[in-house]
Amino acid sequence: MSFYCVIKTELSKKKYIIAALAEMQRRGEITNYEISKRKEQIKVDRDGEVVTVSRGSENSNFEVAGISRPARELTDRLKQIYAYESIKDNLPLDFEIAKETEEAGEIVILLKG
């Protein structure tokens, strides 16, 4: 038996969510994602398991909704890649990423300044 759940997050920037989903697709963690033009909604396909990332209003944070297990797994990984993408985008000009590695699900970034 599967249960539907909604997970509230503190993710608020759509561009980082899209960048994180693109990175997850590149890594093979999700199959596809579809951005709704009219709504603040993104449908994410994980090998047939569809999860929805949406925002209720302009000032609220995004929520992840779907069947419990895939929604929780996607939320955990999405938060991690979202942070990674926002760090890369907001590095001061006198720093650059020297080395990126991922070990046991943890992303390690070595900066050079």
Protein backbone atom coordinates (compact mmCIF):
# COMPACT_ATOMS: atom_id res chain seq x y z
CA MET A 1 0.00 0.00 0.00
CA SER A 2 1.35 3.43 -0.96
CA PHE A 3 0.64 6.70 0.78
CA TYR A 4 0.58 10.12 -0.83
CA CYS A 5 2.52 12.80 1.03
CA VAL A 6 3.43 16.47 0.73
CA ILE A 7 6.87 17.54 1.98
CA LYS A 8 7.38 21.22 2.69
CA THR A 9 10.89 22.49 1.98
CA GLU A 10 12.81 25.71 2.40
CA LEU A 11 13.73 25.74 -1.28
CA SER A 12 12.60 29.03 -2.78
CA LYS A 13 14.57 29.75 -6.00
CA LYS A 14 13.12 28.10 -9.09
CA LYS A 15 16.34 28.52 -11.11
CA TYR A 16 18.31 26.41 -8.59
CA ILE A 17 15.59 23.74 -8.52
CA ILE A 18 15.73 23.51 -12.31
CA ALA A 19 19.55 23.44 -12.23
CA ALA A 20 19.44 20.71 -9.57
CA LEU A 21 16.97 18.64 -11.60
CA ALA A 22 19.13 19.03 -14.72
CA GLU A 23 22.15 17.82 -12.74
CA MET A 24 20.16 14.89 -11.33
CA GLN A 25 19.05 13.96 -14.86
CA ARG A 26 22.66 14.18 -16.09
CA ARG A 27 23.71 11.82 -13.29
CA GLY A 28 20.88 9.38 -14.13
CA GLU A 29 19.03 9.86 -10.83
CA ILE A 30 15.82 10.98 -12.55
CA THR A 31 14.45 10.06 -15.97
CA ASN A 32 12.84 13.33 -16.99
CA TYR A 33 11.24 16.52 -15.69
CA GLU A 34 8.57 18.76 -17.20
CA ILE A 35 8.10 22.43 -16.26
CA SER A 36 4.57 23.82 -16.37
CA LYS A 37 4.50 27.21 -18.08
CA ARG A 38 1.31 28.44 -16.37
CA LYS A 39 1.78 27.09 -12.86
CA GLU A 40 4.72 27.07 -10.48
CA GLN A 41 4.91 23.29 -10.93
CA ILE A 42 7.48 20.76 -12.14
CA LYS A 43 6.65 17.08 -12.71
CA VAL A 44 9.62 14.79 -12.11
CA ASP A 45 9.74 11.22 -13.44
CA ARG A 46 11.93 8.72 -11.58
CA ASP A 47 11.64 5.57 -13.70
CA GLY A 48 7.85 5.69 -13.72
CA GLU A 49 7.36 7.19 -10.26
CA VAL A 50 6.04 10.74 -10.76
CA VAL A 51 6.69 13.36 -8.09
CA THR A 52 5.49 16.98 -8.28
CA VAL A 53 7.54 19.97 -7.14
CA SER A 54 5.24 22.99 -6.77
CA ARG A 55 4.73 26.32 -5.06
CA GLY A 56 1.34 27.48 -3.82
CA SER A 57 1.95 31.22 -4.01
CA GLU A 58 4.68 33.61 -5.15
CA ASN A 59 6.01 34.15 -1.60
CA SER A 60 5.96 30.55 -0.41
CA ASN A 61 8.61 27.83 -0.65
CA PHE A 62 8.38 24.81 -2.92
CA GLU A 63 6.75 21.53 -1.83
CA VAL A 64 7.37 18.01 -3.07
CA ALA A 65 4.28 15.80 -3.43
CA GLY A 66 3.81 12.20 -4.45
CA ILE A 67 4.00 8.66 -3.15
CA SER A 68 5.85 8.69 0.16
CA ARG A 69 9.08 6.79 -0.57
CA PRO A 70 10.02 8.40 -3.92
CA ALA A 71 8.99 11.86 -2.68
CA ARG A 72 11.21 11.58 0.40
CA GLU A 73 14.17 10.23 -1.59
CA LEU A 74 13.82 12.98 -4.21
CA THR A 75 13.47 15.68 -1.55
CA ASP A 76 16.63 14.62 0.27
CA ARG A 77 18.70 14.53 -2.91
CA LEU A 78 17.09 17.69 -4.36
CA LYS A 79 18.01 19.68 -1.24
CA GLN A 80 21.61 18.50 -1.50
CA ILE A 81 22.01 19.29 -5.21
CA TYR A 82 20.10 22.60 -4.76
CA ALA A 83 22.67 23.69 -2.17
CA TYR A 84 25.51 22.57 -4.44
CA GLU A 85 24.12 24.56 -7.40
CA SER A 86 23.54 27.70 -5.31
CA ILE A 87 27.09 27.51 -3.89
CA LYS A 88 28.53 27.22 -7.41
CA ASP A 89 26.44 30.17 -8.60
CA ASN A 90 27.29 32.44 -5.66
CA LEU A 91 31.06 31.93 -5.35
CA PRO A 92 32.99 35.19 -4.99
CA LEU A 93 35.06 36.08 -8.04
CA ASP A 94 38.36 35.40 -6.25
CA PHE A 95 37.41 31.73 -5.66
CA GLU A 96 36.99 28.86 -8.09
CA ILE A 97 36.17 25.19 -7.67
CA ALA A 98 39.41 23.23 -7.80
CA LYS A 99 37.96 19.75 -7.25
CA GLU A 100 34.52 18.18 -6.88
CA THR A 101 33.98 14.68 -5.55
CA GLU A 102 31.06 12.67 -4.27
CA GLU A 103 31.56 9.95 -1.69
CA ALA A 104 28.75 7.97 -0.10
CA GLY A 105 26.16 10.51 -1.19
CA GLU A 106 28.10 13.53 0.14
CA ILE A 107 29.35 16.17 -2.26
CA VAL A 108 32.78 17.56 -1.40
CA ILE A 109 33.94 20.81 -3.03
CA LEU A 110 37.55 22.00 -2.78
CA LEU A 111 37.89 25.73 -3.46
CA LYS A 112 40.94 27.50 -4.84
CA GLY A 113 41.34 31.21 -4.11
